[in-house]
Amino acid sequence: MDLRVILVPYDSSYFSENALEYAVYLAKVIFLGDPKKRIIKVIMLHVIQEIPLTKTLLGKMKINRKNKNLSLNEHADSIYQETKTLMQKDMDEKKKTYKSIDGIKIESRILYGDPANQIIDYSNSYRVDLIVMGSNGLQGLAKFKGLGSVSRKVSEAVSRPMTIIR
C-alpha cells in the first residue's frame, strides 16, 4: 500500500488534536522509510455544520447585532464567516507547529455542511489513502468510551483504510 495522502478531520477537540499528532507521526515514519523520499501530504479538514432553517424564517426574522438590523440569513452568514476565520487561524497555527518536519506537507480545508457527509465526499473525491480521525468531536466529550456519531458514520461509509484515535 502506497500512503501519500492522509486526511485528518479536524475540529480542534482533544481527539482531533490526537489524530493530527498521530497522522504527522505516521507521515514522518512513512517518509523516513521511503527510499525515494516522496513527500507525504496531511490534509486537515474542518466542516462547519450549517444550521437548517426554513426560507421563511431566514427572510423575515431580524436580529440586532452591533447596532445593525440583520436578517437571520445575514446573521448566519456572519457567524459562518467568523467561525471560518477562527478555525483557519487555529489550523494555520497547527501547520506552523509541524512546518519544520522534513517530508511532510500540511494543508487545510474548510467546508460547509454535514460533517460526516462532507468527510465521506471529500475522501471519495480526492486521492486520500488513509483517514486518521478522532473517536469523538467537540460534541462527544461525554462519550469517552464509544465512537461519536460522525466517526461512526464515516467509518461505516468509506472504503479506504481508516484509523480512529482516542
Foldseek 3Di string as FASTA:
>chain_A
DDAAEEEQADDPDPQSVVLVVVVLVVQLVNQVPDPVSAAHEYEYEYEAEQDDDDPVQQPPDWDQDPNDTDGNVVVSVVVVVVVVVVVVVVVVVVQVVSVPRGRYHYHYYYYYHDLLVVVQVVCVVDPHQEYRYEQDDPVCPVCVPHRDPSVVSNVVPHDHYYHYGD
